[in-house]
Amino acid sequence: MTELEKKGALAKKASRILASTGQAVKNAALEAIADCLMKGCEDILAANEKDLALARENKLKQSFIERLTLTQQRVEAIAEGIRKLIALEDPIGVVTEMKTQANGLIIGRKSVPLGVIGIIYESRPNVTADAAALCLKSGNAVILRGGKEAFQSNKTIVSIMRKAIKSAGLPEDCISLVEDTSRQSALELMELSEYLDVLIPRGGAGLIKSVVENAKVPVIETGIGICHVYVDDSADLDMAVEIVFNAKCSRPSVCNAMETLLVSEAVAEKFLPMARKELDTKNVELRGCGRTVEILGSSVKKAVPEDYRTEYNDFILAVKVVSGISEAIDFINEYGSGHSEAIVTSDYFNSQLFLEQVDAAAVYVNASTRFTDGYEFGLGAEIGISTQKLHARGPMGLNQLTSNKFIIYGNGQIR
């Protein structure tokens, strides 16, 4: 039995105990995790600094380093997020749809955990704590496999969490970390079907593609964010500038940031210089279609098709002028990743057309794509944004980490 198989077996055993654990015990474990993370903040930051030093030595992009960085404020936010989970209703054990059949059988559904969840992710060490806490609250054991760039941070956080849940009376193997960060360990985790019930990748296009193509375990895709904002010909242009600036610049490294700006030809000559003035304050690099270059000048790089299929996670923005809403919708459905899409318009008909025809997990009218988030949607913490259509779509909160089973009461019925 390999080391990973041993972790899988221990997680499976722990998951059966956790599945029948009541809300009070789970909440006590979460409170212990939050307290211990704060007490261990100094150790976490010291470990994180080792990861950051290596990232700087390897000359990784600043946007990557931003995702990797932990501060005391970020650790406090992680702990606060875990405490907010405690206040949420337990999603496990909820019985619905109880019906009495003609033969007297009483049949209903009961919410249950998925079991053991594997999560493969990249540079964000906050995912380690967030994902583990969500899995714990929803009654699932979790095996975490982070990237090598965040290894020291992840190892320290998981060590603290395991001690915390053990102090609260739960098996420490409810949470475990794959310490081998080689490609081989990722492939082995993808094939761990004997122990894993579901696998969730969080990261860039390459990671998600690899998991989807290689996994023998059922996969929930939490997708890349090639998000668009379309400025319609009836848009309030001042509002559109604010939305575009926020969607691109407030935090470009996250999956709900805008990567492509679409502008109706009818307003392009007026709007694009307005937008560029604001985007220039953050030194955003523009890569535009021929019409965009005509309007803004040769300092705009001429876009190639691949620019419209790229999640930059950086201060880079692809721009395209379109004939109107029909071309915008077609373009989004061809190039988008199914994450978050927005229209800025004063035309009610166009807003409804956009809502109906754009195929994405979250579709906005006159608002930034940056709101696609479990807390912002009132769902609490989320493990990622699912861009697929089966089982879950959009922010994956507690309820999306459950399944159900039928429960049947009889009094001697036979068939």
Protein backbone atom coordinates (compact mmCIF):
# COMPACT_ATOMS: atom_id res chain seq x y z
CA MET A 1 0.00 0.00 0.00
CA THR A 2 1.42 3.39 -1.01
CA GLU A 3 1.56 6.39 1.32
CA LEU A 4 -1.33 7.97 -0.53
CA GLU A 5 -3.40 4.80 -0.31
CA LYS A 6 -2.76 4.78 3.44
CA LYS A 7 -3.98 8.37 3.66
CA GLY A 8 -7.02 7.38 1.62
CA ALA A 9 -7.86 4.46 3.90
CA LEU A 10 -7.50 6.60 7.01
CA ALA A 11 -9.63 9.35 5.46
CA LYS A 12 -12.33 6.83 4.53
CA LYS A 13 -12.43 5.56 8.10
CA ALA A 14 -12.55 9.10 9.47
CA SER A 15 -15.31 10.07 7.04
CA ARG A 16 -17.63 7.41 8.45
CA ILE A 17 -17.21 8.82 11.95
CA LEU A 18 -17.61 12.40 10.72
CA ALA A 19 -20.77 11.53 8.75
CA SER A 20 -22.61 10.67 11.96
CA THR A 21 -21.13 13.51 14.03
CA GLY A 22 -23.60 16.10 15.24
CA GLN A 23 -23.52 19.82 14.58
CA ALA A 24 -22.29 20.75 18.06
CA VAL A 25 -19.12 18.65 17.78
CA LYS A 26 -18.36 19.86 14.26
CA ASN A 27 -18.83 23.46 15.32
CA ALA A 28 -16.55 22.93 18.33
CA ALA A 29 -13.89 21.55 15.99
CA LEU A 30 -14.26 24.57 13.70
CA GLU A 31 -13.93 26.94 16.67
CA ALA A 32 -10.80 25.08 17.72
CA ILE A 33 -9.37 25.42 14.21
CA ALA A 34 -10.05 29.17 14.12
CA ASP A 35 -8.48 29.67 17.57
CA CYS A 36 -5.44 27.57 16.76
CA LEU A 37 -4.83 29.29 13.43
CA MET A 38 -4.71 32.63 15.21
CA LYS A 39 -2.44 31.27 17.93
CA GLY A 40 -0.21 29.79 15.26
CA CYS A 41 -0.24 32.88 13.06
CA GLU A 42 3.45 33.58 13.63
CA ASP A 43 4.39 30.03 12.56
CA ILE A 44 2.13 30.28 9.50
CA LEU A 45 3.68 33.56 8.38
CA ALA A 46 7.20 32.21 8.91
CA ALA A 47 6.38 29.19 6.73
CA ASN A 48 4.77 31.45 4.15
CA GLU A 49 7.89 33.61 4.01
CA LYS A 50 9.90 30.51 3.03
CA ASP A 51 7.49 29.93 0.15
CA LEU A 52 7.64 33.59 -0.88
CA ALA A 53 11.44 33.64 -0.78
CA LEU A 54 11.56 30.65 -3.13
CA ALA A 55 8.96 32.24 -5.42
CA ARG A 56 11.01 35.44 -5.64
CA GLU A 57 14.17 33.45 -6.22
CA ASN A 58 12.44 31.65 -9.10
CA LYS A 59 11.25 35.02 -10.46
CA LEU A 60 7.58 34.04 -10.47
CA LYS A 61 5.05 36.62 -11.65
CA GLN A 62 3.89 39.27 -9.19
CA SER A 63 0.27 38.18 -9.64
CA PHE A 64 1.29 34.66 -8.59
CA ILE A 65 3.18 35.98 -5.56
CA GLU A 66 0.11 38.02 -4.59
CA ARG A 67 -2.00 34.86 -4.53
CA LEU A 68 0.66 33.08 -2.50
CA THR A 69 1.11 35.79 0.13
CA LEU A 70 -0.31 35.51 3.63
CA THR A 71 -0.38 38.37 6.12
CA GLN A 72 -1.71 38.63 9.64
CA GLN A 73 -4.84 40.27 8.22
CA ARG A 74 -5.34 37.41 5.78
CA VAL A 75 -4.90 34.80 8.51
CA GLU A 76 -7.42 36.74 10.63
CA ALA A 77 -9.80 36.73 7.65
CA ILE A 78 -9.39 32.95 7.29
CA ALA A 79 -10.20 32.46 10.98
CA GLU A 80 -13.17 34.82 10.74
CA GLY A 81 -14.47 32.94 7.70
CA ILE A 82 -14.32 29.68 9.65
CA ARG A 83 -16.24 31.25 12.53
CA LYS A 84 -18.90 32.41 10.08
CA LEU A 85 -19.29 28.78 9.00
CA ILE A 86 -20.23 27.88 12.56
CA ALA A 87 -23.29 30.14 12.35
CA LEU A 88 -24.57 28.42 9.21
CA GLU A 89 -27.14 25.65 9.35
CA ASP A 90 -25.77 22.11 9.24
CA PRO A 91 -26.53 20.80 5.74
CA ILE A 92 -26.44 17.16 6.86
CA GLY A 93 -29.44 15.14 8.01
CA VAL A 94 -32.07 17.36 6.40
CA VAL A 95 -35.10 15.24 5.46
CA THR A 96 -37.28 16.42 2.58
CA GLU A 97 -40.08 15.20 0.34
CA MET A 98 -41.58 12.65 2.71
CA LYS A 99 -44.48 11.06 0.85
CA THR A 100 -46.77 8.13 1.58
CA GLN A 101 -47.25 5.75 -1.32
CA ALA A 102 -50.45 3.82 -2.03
CA ASN A 103 -48.87 0.70 -0.50
CA GLY A 104 -48.21 2.53 2.76
CA LEU A 105 -44.45 3.02 2.31
CA ILE A 106 -43.26 6.41 3.52
CA ILE A 107 -40.43 7.57 1.25
CA GLY A 108 -38.22 10.61 1.67
CA ARG A 109 -34.78 12.01 1.01
CA LYS A 110 -32.08 12.78 3.55
CA SER A 111 -29.00 14.89 2.93
CA VAL A 112 -25.69 13.10 3.51
CA PRO A 113 -22.00 13.93 3.00
CA LEU A 114 -20.26 13.08 -0.23
CA GLY A 115 -17.67 11.11 1.77
CA VAL A 116 -14.00 11.73 1.05
CA ILE A 117 -13.21 14.75 -1.10
CA GLY A 118 -9.87 15.21 -2.81
CA ILE A 119 -8.84 18.76 -3.69
CA ILE A 120 -5.97 19.57 -6.05
CA TYR A 121 -5.07 23.24 -6.08
CA GLU A 122 -2.21 25.59 -6.79
CA SER A 123 -0.74 28.63 -5.11
CA ARG A 124 -3.28 29.93 -2.61
CA PRO A 125 -2.58 28.66 0.92
CA ASN A 126 -5.86 30.15 2.17
CA VAL A 127 -7.61 27.42 0.14
CA THR A 128 -6.07 24.88 2.53
CA ALA A 129 -7.95 26.20 5.55
CA ASP A 130 -11.10 27.29 3.70
CA ALA A 131 -11.60 23.96 1.92
CA ALA A 132 -10.87 21.86 4.99
CA ALA A 133 -13.34 23.86 7.11
CA LEU A 134 -16.08 23.56 4.49
CA CYS A 135 -15.57 19.84 4.20
CA LEU A 136 -15.63 19.42 7.97
CA LYS A 137 -18.86 21.40 8.39
CA SER A 138 -20.51 19.37 5.61
CA GLY A 139 -19.39 16.07 7.16
CA ASN A 140 -16.74 15.21 4.58
CA ALA A 141 -13.16 14.07 5.12
CA VAL A 142 -10.70 15.82 2.81
CA ILE A 143 -7.34 15.01 1.25
CA LEU A 144 -5.58 18.19 0.17
CA ARG A 145 -2.92 18.32 -2.51
CA GLY A 146 -1.54 21.82 -2.90
CA GLY A 147 1.20 23.08 -5.19
CA LYS A 148 4.90 22.92 -4.36
CA GLU A 149 5.10 26.73 -4.32
CA ALA A 150 2.91 26.86 -1.18
CA PHE A 151 4.14 23.66 0.44
CA GLN A 152 5.59 25.14 3.65
CA SER A 153 2.47 27.24 4.24
CA ASN A 154 0.11 24.34 3.55
CA LYS A 155 2.05 21.92 5.74
CA THR A 156 1.97 24.30 8.70
CA ILE A 157 -1.74 25.12 8.31
CA VAL A 158 -2.73 21.43 8.04
CA SER A 159 -0.61 20.49 11.05
CA ILE A 160 -2.39 23.14 13.12
CA MET A 161 -5.85 22.05 11.91
CA ARG A 162 -5.22 18.36 12.59
CA LYS A 163 -4.19 19.09 16.18
CA ALA A 164 -7.23 21.33 16.62
CA ILE A 165 -9.81 18.79 15.47
CA LYS A 166 -8.16 16.05 17.52
CA SER A 167 -8.53 18.26 20.61
CA ALA A 168 -12.23 18.56 19.79
CA GLY A 169 -12.68 14.77 19.72
CA LEU A 170 -12.65 14.11 15.97
CA PRO A 171 -10.16 11.94 14.07
CA GLU A 172 -7.25 14.04 12.81
CA ASP A 173 -7.48 12.15 9.50
CA CYS A 174 -10.64 14.09 8.68
CA ILE A 175 -8.04 16.47 7.19
CA SER A 176 -4.83 15.33 5.51
CA LEU A 177 -2.23 16.75 3.16
CA VAL A 178 -0.36 15.04 0.34
CA GLU A 179 3.22 16.03 1.11
CA ASP A 180 4.64 14.74 -2.16
CA THR A 181 4.12 17.65 -4.58
CA SER A 182 5.38 15.80 -7.67
CA ARG A 183 3.25 15.32 -10.76
CA GLN A 184 3.17 11.62 -9.93
CA SER A 185 1.37 12.23 -6.64
CA ALA A 186 -1.28 14.29 -8.43
CA LEU A 187 -1.83 11.51 -10.96
CA GLU A 188 -2.03 8.94 -8.16
CA LEU A 189 -4.64 11.03 -6.36
CA MET A 190 -6.68 11.24 -9.56
CA GLU A 191 -6.78 7.43 -9.64
CA LEU A 192 -7.61 6.90 -5.95
CA SER A 193 -11.14 5.72 -6.73
CA GLU A 194 -11.16 3.12 -3.94
CA TYR A 195 -11.06 5.88 -1.32
CA LEU A 196 -12.07 9.18 -2.93
CA ASP A 197 -15.72 9.92 -3.68
CA VAL A 198 -15.12 13.11 -5.62
CA LEU A 199 -12.17 15.20 -6.83
CA ILE A 200 -12.25 18.99 -7.09
CA PRO A 201 -9.49 20.84 -8.97
CA ARG A 202 -8.88 24.52 -8.22
CA GLY A 203 -6.43 26.34 -10.43
CA GLY A 204 -5.54 27.27 -13.97
CA ALA A 205 -6.62 25.77 -17.25
CA GLY A 206 -3.68 23.35 -17.37
CA LEU A 207 -4.45 21.82 -13.98
CA ILE A 208 -8.17 21.48 -14.65
CA LYS A 209 -7.56 19.95 -18.10
CA SER A 210 -5.14 17.43 -16.61
CA VAL A 211 -7.59 16.39 -13.89
CA VAL A 212 -10.53 16.04 -16.27
CA GLU A 213 -8.48 13.96 -18.72
CA ASN A 214 -6.74 11.70 -16.19
CA ALA A 215 -9.07 11.25 -13.22
CA LYS A 216 -10.77 7.95 -12.53
CA VAL A 217 -12.59 9.63 -9.64
CA PRO A 218 -15.72 11.72 -10.40
CA VAL A 219 -14.67 15.35 -10.92
CA ILE A 220 -16.41 18.63 -10.13
CA GLU A 221 -14.77 21.33 -12.22
CA THR A 222 -14.24 24.62 -10.45
CA GLY A 223 -13.34 26.48 -13.52
CA ILE A 224 -11.03 29.04 -14.88
CA GLY A 225 -12.54 32.49 -15.23
CA ILE A 226 -12.44 33.90 -18.72
CA CYS A 227 -15.05 36.50 -17.80
CA HIS A 228 -16.45 39.22 -20.06
CA VAL A 229 -18.09 42.60 -19.61
CA TYR A 230 -20.14 43.76 -22.61
CA VAL A 231 -20.87 47.50 -22.89
CA ASP A 232 -24.10 47.79 -24.84
CA ASP A 233 -25.03 50.69 -27.11
CA SER A 234 -27.51 51.97 -24.50
CA ALA A 235 -25.13 51.73 -21.55
CA ASP A 236 -24.61 54.48 -18.99
CA LEU A 237 -20.96 54.98 -19.96
CA ASP A 238 -19.86 56.43 -16.62
CA MET A 239 -21.32 53.38 -14.89
CA ALA A 240 -19.68 51.13 -17.46
CA VAL A 241 -16.24 52.65 -16.76
CA GLU A 242 -16.63 51.97 -13.03
CA ILE A 243 -17.77 48.39 -13.63
CA VAL A 244 -14.98 47.68 -16.12
CA PHE A 245 -12.32 49.14 -13.83
CA ASN A 246 -13.57 47.17 -10.84
CA ALA A 247 -13.97 43.92 -12.77
CA LYS A 248 -10.41 44.10 -14.10
CA CYS A 249 -8.41 45.96 -11.47
CA SER A 250 -9.83 45.34 -8.00
CA ARG A 251 -8.06 41.98 -7.85
CA PRO A 252 -6.92 40.71 -11.25
CA SER A 253 -5.49 37.45 -9.90
CA VAL A 254 -8.87 35.92 -9.02
CA CYS A 255 -11.16 33.83 -11.21
CA ASN A 256 -14.08 36.32 -11.23
CA ALA A 257 -11.96 39.14 -12.66
CA MET A 258 -12.77 40.31 -16.19
CA GLU A 259 -10.38 39.12 -18.89
CA THR A 260 -12.16 40.43 -22.03
CA LEU A 261 -13.99 43.69 -22.63
CA LEU A 262 -16.59 43.76 -25.41
CA VAL A 263 -17.89 47.13 -26.61
CA SER A 264 -20.73 47.89 -29.01
CA GLU A 265 -19.54 49.67 -32.17
CA ALA A 266 -22.17 52.35 -31.54
CA VAL A 267 -20.37 53.62 -28.41
CA ALA A 268 -16.82 52.39 -28.95
CA GLU A 269 -15.29 55.69 -30.08
CA LYS A 270 -16.62 57.48 -27.00
CA PHE A 271 -16.30 54.70 -24.44
CA LEU A 272 -12.89 53.18 -25.13
CA PRO A 273 -10.91 56.39 -24.40
CA MET A 274 -12.94 56.82 -21.19
CA ALA A 275 -12.17 53.26 -20.10
CA ARG A 276 -8.53 53.52 -21.08
CA LYS A 277 -8.04 56.64 -18.95
CA GLU A 278 -9.08 54.71 -15.84
CA LEU A 279 -7.28 51.50 -16.78
CA ASP A 280 -4.07 53.45 -17.35
CA THR A 281 -4.01 54.33 -13.65
CA LYS A 282 -3.20 50.65 -13.05
CA ASN A 283 -0.99 50.33 -16.15
CA VAL A 284 -3.33 47.76 -17.69
CA GLU A 285 -1.94 46.35 -20.93
CA LEU A 286 -4.60 46.31 -23.66
CA ARG A 287 -4.69 43.74 -26.46
CA GLY A 288 -7.36 44.77 -28.93
CA CYS A 289 -9.01 43.98 -32.24
CA GLY A 290 -8.28 46.11 -35.32
CA ARG A 291 -11.08 48.55 -34.54
CA THR A 292 -9.80 48.99 -30.97
CA VAL A 293 -6.33 49.81 -32.31
CA GLU A 294 -7.87 52.34 -34.75
CA ILE A 295 -9.61 54.13 -31.86
CA LEU A 296 -6.89 53.97 -29.20
CA GLY A 297 -3.75 53.96 -31.31
CA SER A 298 -0.76 51.75 -31.88
CA SER A 299 0.17 51.54 -28.19
CA VAL A 300 -2.57 48.90 -27.98
CA LYS A 301 -1.21 45.47 -28.91
CA LYS A 302 -3.02 43.77 -31.77
CA ALA A 303 -4.93 40.85 -30.31
CA VAL A 304 -4.62 37.32 -31.69
CA PRO A 305 -7.34 34.67 -31.21
CA GLU A 306 -5.47 33.10 -28.27
CA ASP A 307 -5.73 36.38 -26.33
CA TYR A 308 -9.49 35.87 -26.13
CA ARG A 309 -9.04 32.36 -24.72
CA THR A 310 -6.58 33.33 -21.98
CA GLU A 311 -7.12 33.77 -18.25
CA TYR A 312 -4.40 36.34 -17.59
CA ASN A 313 -4.78 36.76 -13.81
CA ASP A 314 -2.85 39.97 -14.37
CA PHE A 315 -3.20 43.60 -15.47
CA ILE A 316 -3.78 42.54 -19.07
CA LEU A 317 -7.10 42.99 -20.85
CA ALA A 318 -8.30 41.71 -24.21
CA VAL A 319 -10.69 44.12 -25.99
CA LYS A 320 -13.02 43.62 -28.93
CA VAL A 321 -15.49 45.93 -30.63
CA VAL A 322 -18.65 44.07 -31.70
CA SER A 323 -21.57 45.04 -33.90
CA GLY A 324 -24.09 44.68 -31.07
CA ILE A 325 -25.61 42.35 -28.52
CA SER A 326 -26.05 39.35 -30.83
CA GLU A 327 -22.37 39.26 -31.72
CA ALA A 328 -21.45 39.84 -28.06
CA ILE A 329 -23.54 36.86 -26.92
CA ASP A 330 -22.14 34.61 -29.66
CA PHE A 331 -18.59 35.69 -28.79
CA ILE A 332 -19.06 35.02 -25.07
CA ASN A 333 -20.57 31.60 -25.66
CA GLU A 334 -17.64 30.69 -27.93
CA TYR A 335 -14.74 32.11 -25.90
CA GLY A 336 -16.05 32.22 -22.33
CA SER A 337 -15.33 29.59 -19.68
CA GLY A 338 -18.88 29.48 -18.29
CA HIS A 339 -17.92 31.36 -15.14
CA SER A 340 -19.24 34.96 -14.91
CA GLU A 341 -20.46 37.33 -17.62
CA ALA A 342 -21.86 40.87 -17.43
CA ILE A 343 -23.74 43.34 -19.60
CA VAL A 344 -23.95 47.09 -18.99
CA THR A 345 -27.14 48.37 -20.59
CA SER A 346 -30.20 50.57 -20.14
CA ASP A 347 -32.23 48.45 -22.56
CA TYR A 348 -34.51 46.03 -20.69
CA PHE A 349 -34.98 43.79 -23.73
CA ASN A 350 -31.23 43.46 -24.23
CA SER A 351 -30.70 42.72 -20.55
CA GLN A 352 -33.20 39.88 -20.67
CA LEU A 353 -31.78 38.54 -23.92
CA PHE A 354 -28.33 38.49 -22.33
CA LEU A 355 -29.61 36.70 -19.21
CA GLU A 356 -31.42 34.09 -21.27
CA GLN A 357 -28.82 33.35 -23.95
CA VAL A 358 -25.44 33.64 -22.21
CA ASP A 359 -24.35 30.22 -20.97
CA ALA A 360 -22.53 30.78 -17.67
CA ALA A 361 -22.81 30.00 -13.97
CA ALA A 362 -23.40 33.67 -13.12
CA VAL A 363 -24.82 36.31 -15.48
CA TYR A 364 -24.98 39.98 -14.43
CA VAL A 365 -26.84 43.06 -15.55
CA ASN A 366 -25.16 46.36 -14.62
CA ALA A 367 -22.79 44.91 -12.01
CA SER A 368 -19.21 43.72 -11.79
CA THR A 369 -18.32 40.06 -12.26
CA ARG A 370 -16.31 40.33 -9.04
CA PHE A 371 -19.41 39.49 -6.99
CA THR A 372 -19.33 35.79 -7.92
CA ASP A 373 -18.47 34.50 -4.48
CA GLY A 374 -20.20 32.41 -1.85
CA TYR A 375 -20.25 35.15 0.78
CA GLU A 376 -21.44 37.79 -1.69
CA PHE A 377 -24.29 35.50 -2.78
CA GLY A 378 -25.33 34.91 0.83
CA LEU A 379 -24.23 31.26 0.74
CA GLY A 380 -21.32 31.57 3.15
CA ALA A 381 -17.89 30.17 2.33
CA GLU A 382 -17.41 28.25 -0.90
CA ILE A 383 -14.90 25.71 -2.12
CA GLY A 384 -14.80 27.13 -5.63
CA ILE A 385 -16.99 28.22 -8.53
CA SER A 386 -18.29 25.24 -10.46
CA THR A 387 -18.56 25.90 -14.20
CA GLN A 388 -20.12 22.56 -15.05
CA LYS A 389 -23.80 21.73 -15.05
CA LEU A 390 -24.06 18.38 -13.27
CA HIS A 391 -24.44 18.23 -9.48
CA ALA A 392 -23.47 21.86 -8.82
CA ARG A 393 -23.05 25.13 -10.71
CA GLY A 394 -21.76 28.45 -9.43
CA PRO A 395 -20.41 28.97 -5.89
CA MET A 396 -20.04 25.60 -4.16
CA GLY A 397 -21.10 26.16 -0.59
CA LEU A 398 -22.08 23.70 2.11
CA ASN A 399 -25.21 22.39 0.39
CA GLN A 400 -23.27 21.65 -2.79
CA LEU A 401 -20.90 19.38 -0.83
CA THR A 402 -23.72 16.98 0.00
CA SER A 403 -25.58 14.18 -1.70
CA ASN A 404 -28.76 12.47 -0.60
CA LYS A 405 -30.12 9.04 0.07
CA PHE A 406 -33.67 7.75 0.05
CA ILE A 407 -35.05 6.70 3.40
CA ILE A 408 -38.08 4.38 3.44
CA TYR A 409 -40.37 3.47 6.35
CA GLY A 410 -42.59 0.41 6.03
CA ASN A 411 -44.74 -1.87 8.16
CA GLY A 412 -44.14 -5.23 6.50
CA GLN A 413 -44.62 -4.40 2.80
CA ILE A 414 -43.29 -6.95 0.29
CA ARG A 415 -43.23 -6.84 -3.50
